Amino acid sequence: MATVQTVKGPIDSSELGRTLVHEHVFVLGEEFRINYAGDWDEDQKVADAVRDLNDLKSAGIDTIFDPTVLGLGRYIPRIQKVAAQTDLNIVVATGLYTYNDLPHQFEHRGPGLLFDQPEPLVEMFLKDINEGIADTGVKAAFLKCVIEEPGLTPGVERVMRAVGQTSSQTGAPVTVHTNPHTRSGLVAQKVLGEEGVDPSKIVLGHSGDSDDVDYLSELAENGSLLGMDRFGLDVYLSTEKRVDTIVELVRRGYVEKITLAHDASCYIDYFKPEDKVEMQPNWNFRHIPDDVVPMLLEKGLSEDDVDAMLVKNPRRYFE
C-alpha cells in the first residue's frame, strides 16, 4: 500500500477503486479565456463538471488521474471547487506539456544556459509534489511529459529529463503522452530509464491509438504500463479495434500492463461543445463503463481481467 495525494488530501492506494488513468476536468487556455472568452460563466462550468463527475461516480468509477499540467491550463482552485462537490477522487499532476519548445520563461535559465543554474523545471516539479501547487496546499501525485510526432526535440528532452530526475528523487510515477505511430514510447522508456525511472512507474499514454500489437508488446515487455486511454476518440482508432487490441494483449499475457481511460474532459476549449458531441459522440466519461467493459467481457475477458485494468494496475502504479 502507498499514500496517494488527491485534491482533497491523501488517501491510501487501496481506496483508489476503479480508476481511469488519463482524464481531464478542464483543458482551458487561461490566457485565451481571460482575453477572448467573454461568455465564460465560472459557476456554471464548475457545476457542469460536478454533474459529469458525479455521473461518472454513479457509473462505478471511483478515481480519475488528471494529467493537466503547465501548457494545458492547470488551475487548481477551480479543481478544488469541483472536488468539494463530488465523492470521486481527483489525482492531479505536475509537469509540462509541449511538442517542441519550452516556454520562454525557461529559454535562458538552466544548466549551461545564459543564466547557468540548476534545472528550474526540477525545482518546480519538486515543489508541486513535496509542498503543494501554488498556494493551494494540493500536492501533485504524478508527473507528466510529452513526446509527439516531432520526436525528441531539445525542449521535449529537457522536460522529459527533468521529469525523470524528479521521479527518481521522489518516487512519483510518470505519465507520458506518446504517439504510438512514431513508436515514441520506446524513446520515452530509454530517456526516462537513463534518469533512473523504474519502467513499471511509467504509463505510456495514448498507446491505445495503435493496433500494432507487436509494438505494444515490446513496451509491455520493457516493463511499462500501456495507456489504452483514448476510448471514444474514434478519429484515431475505432472502439472495436481498441477493444480487439486489448483482447489480443491479454491473450499474450499482458493484462497486468494495461490501463484504461478516455482522455476526455468536462470542458475543453479546443472546439465548441456541440461540435465535439457531433464529431465524436462516444468521447465522454461514460463510454468505458457503459460500452467498453461489456464489449471486453463479450469478447472473452474475465471480470478479473477488467479488475486488473481498472483497479489493480492503477493502484500498483503508486505502490
Protein backbone atom coordinates (compact mmCIF):
# COMPACT_ATOMS: atom_id res chain seq x y z
CA MET A 1 0.00 0.00 0.00
CA ALA A 2 1.02 3.60 -0.52
CA THR A 3 -0.26 7.10 0.14
CA VAL A 4 -1.74 8.87 -2.88
CA GLN A 5 -2.35 12.60 -2.86
CA THR A 6 -5.76 13.71 -4.14
CA VAL A 7 -7.22 17.19 -4.48
CA LYS A 8 -8.98 16.71 -1.14
CA GLY A 9 -5.95 15.21 0.59
CA PRO A 10 -4.05 11.93 0.96
CA ILE A 11 -5.71 8.54 0.69
CA ASP A 12 -4.38 5.00 0.80
CA SER A 13 -3.81 3.44 -2.59
CA SER A 14 -6.34 0.75 -1.64
CA GLU A 15 -9.01 3.48 -1.71
CA LEU A 16 -8.48 4.36 -5.37
CA GLY A 17 -11.00 1.76 -6.52
CA ARG A 18 -11.96 1.68 -10.19
CA THR A 19 -9.69 4.21 -11.84
CA LEU A 20 -9.46 5.91 -15.22
CA VAL A 21 -5.81 6.88 -15.56
CA HIS A 22 -5.98 9.76 -18.06
CA GLU A 23 -8.89 12.19 -17.89
CA HIS A 24 -9.15 15.96 -17.62
CA VAL A 25 -11.56 18.13 -15.68
CA PHE A 26 -10.70 21.28 -17.65
CA VAL A 27 -8.43 21.76 -20.65
CA LEU A 28 -8.51 25.51 -20.86
CA GLY A 29 -6.07 28.15 -22.04
CA GLU A 30 -6.34 30.70 -19.24
CA GLU A 31 -4.68 33.49 -21.21
CA PHE A 32 -7.12 32.92 -24.08
CA ARG A 33 -10.07 32.69 -21.68
CA ILE A 34 -9.22 35.93 -19.92
CA ASN A 35 -8.80 37.87 -23.15
CA TYR A 36 -11.34 36.34 -25.52
CA ALA A 37 -13.89 34.14 -23.76
CA GLY A 38 -16.24 36.90 -22.68
CA ASP A 39 -19.13 34.49 -22.19
CA TRP A 40 -17.28 32.34 -19.66
CA ASP A 41 -19.51 31.51 -16.68
CA GLU A 42 -17.26 30.14 -13.93
CA ASP A 43 -20.04 28.94 -11.64
CA GLN A 44 -21.85 27.16 -14.46
CA LYS A 45 -18.71 25.46 -15.74
CA VAL A 46 -17.91 24.22 -12.23
CA ALA A 47 -21.49 22.98 -11.84
CA ASP A 48 -21.28 21.18 -15.19
CA ALA A 49 -18.05 19.47 -14.12
CA VAL A 50 -19.57 18.41 -10.80
CA ARG A 51 -22.53 16.94 -12.68
CA ASP A 52 -20.26 14.99 -15.06
CA LEU A 53 -18.00 13.60 -12.34
CA ASN A 54 -20.89 12.65 -10.08
CA ASP A 55 -22.43 10.87 -13.04
CA LEU A 56 -19.15 9.03 -13.58
CA LYS A 57 -19.10 8.03 -9.92
CA SER A 58 -22.63 6.68 -10.26
CA ALA A 59 -21.36 4.56 -13.18
CA GLY A 60 -18.95 2.79 -10.84
CA ILE A 61 -15.73 4.76 -11.34
CA ASP A 62 -14.07 5.93 -8.12
CA THR A 63 -10.99 7.88 -9.26
CA ILE A 64 -9.59 9.80 -12.19
CA PHE A 65 -5.97 10.75 -12.75
CA ASP A 66 -5.91 14.26 -14.26
CA PRO A 67 -2.63 14.99 -16.11
CA THR A 68 -3.49 18.64 -16.80
CA VAL A 69 -0.15 20.40 -16.35
CA LEU A 70 1.56 23.62 -17.42
CA GLY A 71 0.66 24.07 -21.08
CA LEU A 72 -2.84 22.62 -20.70
CA GLY A 73 -4.32 25.23 -18.38
CA ARG A 74 -3.93 23.71 -14.91
CA TYR A 75 -5.72 25.91 -12.36
CA ILE A 76 -6.11 24.06 -9.08
CA PRO A 77 -8.51 26.47 -7.27
CA ARG A 78 -11.15 25.64 -9.90
CA ILE A 79 -10.48 21.91 -9.47
CA GLN A 80 -10.83 22.31 -5.71
CA LYS A 81 -14.31 23.78 -6.19
CA VAL A 82 -15.27 20.74 -8.23
CA ALA A 83 -13.66 18.20 -5.89
CA ALA A 84 -15.50 19.65 -2.91
CA GLN A 85 -18.80 18.65 -4.52
CA THR A 86 -18.03 15.08 -5.60
CA ASP A 87 -17.04 11.83 -3.92
CA LEU A 88 -14.94 10.85 -6.94
CA ASN A 89 -11.20 11.11 -6.25
CA ILE A 90 -9.26 13.53 -8.47
CA VAL A 91 -5.49 12.93 -8.58
CA VAL A 92 -3.51 15.75 -10.21
CA ALA A 93 -0.08 16.01 -11.80
CA THR A 94 2.90 18.25 -12.30
CA GLY A 95 4.98 18.55 -15.44
CA LEU A 96 4.96 20.46 -18.69
CA TYR A 97 3.13 19.85 -21.97
CA THR A 98 4.96 20.73 -25.18
CA TYR A 99 5.54 19.06 -28.54
CA ASN A 100 8.58 21.19 -29.37
CA ASP A 101 9.98 24.16 -27.46
CA LEU A 102 9.91 25.20 -23.85
CA PRO A 103 8.06 28.36 -22.77
CA HIS A 104 10.27 31.43 -22.92
CA GLN A 105 10.45 31.53 -19.12
CA PHE A 106 12.95 28.66 -19.35
CA GLU A 107 14.79 29.54 -22.55
CA HIS A 108 17.78 31.17 -20.88
CA ARG A 109 17.69 29.58 -17.41
CA GLY A 110 19.19 26.19 -16.71
CA PRO A 111 22.39 24.15 -16.80
CA GLY A 112 24.82 25.58 -19.34
CA LEU A 113 22.49 28.37 -20.43
CA LEU A 114 22.90 32.15 -20.23
CA PHE A 115 21.82 32.05 -16.59
CA ASP A 116 23.67 28.88 -15.60
CA GLN A 117 21.79 27.30 -12.73
CA PRO A 118 20.25 24.00 -11.64
CA GLU A 119 17.30 22.93 -13.76
CA PRO A 120 14.38 25.19 -12.74
CA LEU A 121 11.87 22.62 -14.03
CA VAL A 122 13.02 20.12 -11.43
CA GLU A 123 12.70 22.75 -8.72
CA MET A 124 9.12 23.48 -9.84
CA PHE A 125 8.09 19.84 -10.05
CA LEU A 126 9.60 19.03 -6.65
CA LYS A 127 7.73 21.93 -5.08
CA ASP A 128 4.42 20.75 -6.56
CA ILE A 129 4.96 17.24 -5.19
CA ASN A 130 6.52 17.96 -1.81
CA GLU A 131 4.90 21.24 -0.77
CA GLY A 132 1.88 21.75 -2.98
CA ILE A 133 0.82 23.56 -6.15
CA ALA A 134 0.98 27.37 -5.86
CA ASP A 135 -0.63 28.24 -2.52
CA THR A 136 -3.46 25.69 -2.70
CA GLY A 137 -1.97 23.03 -0.47
CA VAL A 138 -2.87 20.44 -3.13
CA LYS A 139 0.06 18.14 -3.87
CA ALA A 140 0.74 16.60 -7.26
CA ALA A 141 0.87 12.79 -7.14
CA PHE A 142 2.47 12.06 -10.51
CA LEU A 143 4.42 13.64 -13.36
CA LYS A 144 3.53 14.31 -17.00
CA CYS A 145 5.62 14.89 -20.12
CA VAL A 146 5.13 14.53 -23.87
CA ILE A 147 6.86 13.10 -26.91
CA GLU A 148 4.78 13.60 -30.03
CA GLU A 149 5.33 13.37 -33.79
CA PRO A 150 8.24 15.89 -33.82
CA GLY A 151 10.17 13.47 -31.62
CA LEU A 152 12.85 14.18 -29.04
CA THR A 153 13.37 17.87 -29.72
CA PRO A 154 15.72 19.74 -27.35
CA GLY A 155 12.74 21.19 -25.49
CA VAL A 156 10.97 17.86 -25.20
CA GLU A 157 14.12 16.14 -24.00
CA ARG A 158 14.77 18.78 -21.39
CA VAL A 159 11.27 18.37 -19.94
CA MET A 160 11.48 14.59 -20.06
CA ARG A 161 14.82 14.50 -18.26
CA ALA A 162 13.54 16.94 -15.64
CA VAL A 163 10.50 14.72 -15.13
CA GLY A 164 12.78 11.68 -14.87
CA GLN A 165 15.07 13.34 -12.35
CA THR A 166 12.09 14.41 -10.24
CA SER A 167 10.60 10.92 -10.35
CA SER A 168 13.92 9.40 -9.29
CA GLN A 169 14.15 11.80 -6.35
CA THR A 170 10.57 11.43 -5.15
CA GLY A 171 9.33 8.05 -6.36
CA ALA A 172 6.40 9.77 -8.08
CA PRO A 173 5.24 7.85 -11.16
CA VAL A 174 5.17 9.29 -14.67
CA THR A 175 2.62 9.52 -17.46
CA VAL A 176 3.94 10.25 -20.95
CA HIS A 177 1.81 11.49 -23.82
CA THR A 178 3.20 9.41 -26.69
CA ASN A 179 2.49 8.98 -30.38
CA PRO A 180 2.46 5.22 -30.98
CA HIS A 181 2.63 5.66 -34.76
CA THR A 182 6.15 7.06 -34.37
CA ARG A 183 6.97 4.44 -31.68
CA SER A 184 7.86 7.26 -29.34
CA GLY A 185 7.06 5.15 -26.31
CA LEU A 186 10.36 3.37 -26.83
CA VAL A 187 12.19 6.70 -26.80
CA ALA A 188 10.42 7.72 -23.60
CA GLN A 189 11.39 4.46 -21.93
CA LYS A 190 15.02 4.96 -22.93
CA VAL A 191 15.33 8.59 -21.80
CA LEU A 192 13.43 8.13 -18.54
CA GLY A 193 15.43 4.97 -17.86
CA GLU A 194 18.66 6.94 -18.26
CA GLU A 195 17.37 9.22 -15.47
CA GLY A 196 16.75 6.25 -13.20
CA VAL A 197 12.98 5.87 -13.54
CA ASP A 198 11.61 2.40 -12.86
CA PRO A 199 9.77 1.38 -16.07
CA SER A 200 6.91 -0.04 -14.01
CA LYS A 201 6.27 3.52 -12.78
CA ILE A 202 5.58 4.77 -16.32
CA VAL A 203 2.24 4.88 -18.12
CA LEU A 204 2.81 5.29 -21.86
CA GLY A 205 -0.22 7.34 -22.69
CA HIS A 206 -2.20 7.02 -25.92
CA SER A 207 -0.74 3.62 -26.68
CA GLY A 208 -4.30 2.61 -27.48
CA ASP A 209 -4.30 4.78 -30.60
CA SER A 210 -2.45 1.91 -32.28
CA ASP A 211 -3.39 -1.68 -33.02
CA ASP A 212 0.26 -2.61 -33.64
CA VAL A 213 0.27 -5.34 -31.02
CA ASP A 214 3.93 -6.21 -31.57
CA TYR A 215 4.98 -2.63 -30.74
CA LEU A 216 2.70 -2.55 -27.69
CA SER A 217 4.01 -5.93 -26.55
CA GLU A 218 7.57 -4.60 -26.75
CA LEU A 219 6.65 -1.69 -24.49
CA ALA A 220 5.00 -4.05 -22.04
CA GLU A 221 7.97 -6.43 -22.08
CA ASN A 222 10.16 -3.44 -21.17
CA GLY A 223 8.07 -3.09 -18.03
CA SER A 224 5.79 -0.11 -18.55
CA LEU A 225 2.04 0.27 -18.34
CA LEU A 226 0.14 0.82 -21.59
CA GLY A 227 -2.28 3.74 -21.59
CA MET A 228 -5.24 2.43 -23.60
CA ASP A 229 -6.71 5.76 -22.80
CA ARG A 230 -8.49 7.41 -25.72
CA PHE A 231 -11.68 5.41 -25.90
CA GLY A 232 -14.28 7.42 -27.80
CA LEU A 233 -11.74 9.24 -29.98
CA ASP A 234 -12.71 7.17 -33.00
CA VAL A 235 -10.94 9.65 -35.28
CA TYR A 236 -7.70 7.96 -34.15
CA LEU A 237 -8.92 4.35 -33.85
CA SER A 238 -12.38 2.83 -33.54
CA THR A 239 -13.64 1.42 -30.27
CA GLU A 240 -13.90 -2.04 -31.78
CA LYS A 241 -10.24 -2.02 -32.86
CA ARG A 242 -9.18 -0.67 -29.48
CA VAL A 243 -11.08 -3.47 -27.74
CA ASP A 244 -9.68 -6.13 -30.08
CA THR A 245 -6.16 -4.87 -29.40
CA ILE A 246 -6.66 -5.20 -25.65
CA VAL A 247 -8.10 -8.69 -26.07
CA GLU A 248 -5.01 -9.75 -28.02
CA LEU A 249 -2.67 -8.16 -25.46
CA VAL A 250 -4.43 -10.07 -22.69
CA ARG A 251 -4.15 -13.27 -24.74
CA ARG A 252 -0.39 -12.63 -24.95
CA GLY A 253 -0.19 -12.33 -21.16
CA TYR A 254 -0.07 -8.56 -20.64
CA VAL A 255 -3.22 -7.95 -18.63
CA GLU A 256 -1.10 -6.55 -15.79
CA LYS A 257 0.29 -3.89 -18.13
CA ILE A 258 -2.99 -2.36 -19.36
CA THR A 259 -4.75 0.76 -18.06
CA LEU A 260 -7.93 2.38 -19.37
CA ALA A 261 -9.29 5.90 -19.89
CA HIS A 262 -10.85 8.25 -22.46
CA ASP A 263 -8.64 11.39 -22.36
CA ALA A 264 -12.00 13.14 -22.09
CA SER A 265 -12.79 16.32 -20.17
CA CYS A 266 -15.66 18.14 -18.55
CA TYR A 267 -14.71 21.13 -20.68
CA ILE A 268 -12.12 21.63 -23.41
CA ASP A 269 -11.71 24.88 -25.31
CA TYR A 270 -10.26 23.33 -28.48
CA PHE A 271 -13.73 23.28 -30.06
CA LYS A 272 -17.35 24.08 -29.24
CA PRO A 273 -19.07 21.50 -27.01
CA GLU A 274 -21.78 20.83 -29.57
CA ASP A 275 -19.17 20.25 -32.29
CA LYS A 276 -17.34 17.77 -30.07
CA VAL A 277 -20.54 15.80 -29.46
CA GLU A 278 -21.38 15.77 -33.17
CA MET A 279 -17.92 14.68 -34.34
CA GLN A 280 -17.02 12.25 -31.51
CA PRO A 281 -20.27 11.24 -29.77
CA ASN A 282 -18.63 8.49 -27.70
CA TRP A 283 -15.88 10.70 -26.34
CA ASN A 284 -17.23 11.04 -22.82
CA PHE A 285 -16.63 9.63 -19.37
CA ARG A 286 -19.41 7.01 -19.60
CA HIS A 287 -18.10 5.19 -22.69
CA ILE A 288 -15.85 2.76 -20.80
CA PRO A 289 -18.29 1.73 -18.04
CA ASP A 290 -21.31 1.66 -20.35
CA ASP A 291 -19.86 0.28 -23.59
CA VAL A 292 -16.23 -0.80 -23.44
CA VAL A 293 -16.34 -3.04 -20.37
CA PRO A 294 -19.33 -5.02 -21.72
CA MET A 295 -17.53 -5.39 -25.07
CA LEU A 296 -14.40 -6.71 -23.36
CA LEU A 297 -16.44 -9.25 -21.43
CA GLU A 298 -18.37 -10.30 -24.54
CA LYS A 299 -15.06 -10.93 -26.33
CA GLY A 300 -13.91 -13.34 -23.65
CA LEU A 301 -12.14 -11.32 -20.97
CA SER A 302 -13.00 -12.12 -17.38
CA GLU A 303 -14.16 -9.87 -14.57
CA ASP A 304 -10.71 -10.41 -13.04
CA ASP A 305 -9.11 -9.07 -16.24
CA VAL A 306 -11.26 -5.94 -16.09
CA ASP A 307 -10.50 -5.58 -12.38
CA ALA A 308 -6.77 -5.72 -13.16
CA MET A 309 -7.03 -2.93 -15.74
CA LEU A 310 -9.29 -0.65 -13.72
CA VAL A 311 -8.21 -1.36 -10.12
CA LYS A 312 -5.02 -3.34 -9.62
CA ASN A 313 -2.81 -1.76 -12.28
CA PRO A 314 -3.55 1.90 -11.40
CA ARG A 315 -3.04 1.02 -7.75
CA ARG A 316 0.29 -0.68 -8.47
CA TYR A 317 1.39 2.44 -10.39
CA PHE A 318 1.73 4.12 -6.98
CA GLU A 319 2.81 1.11 -4.95
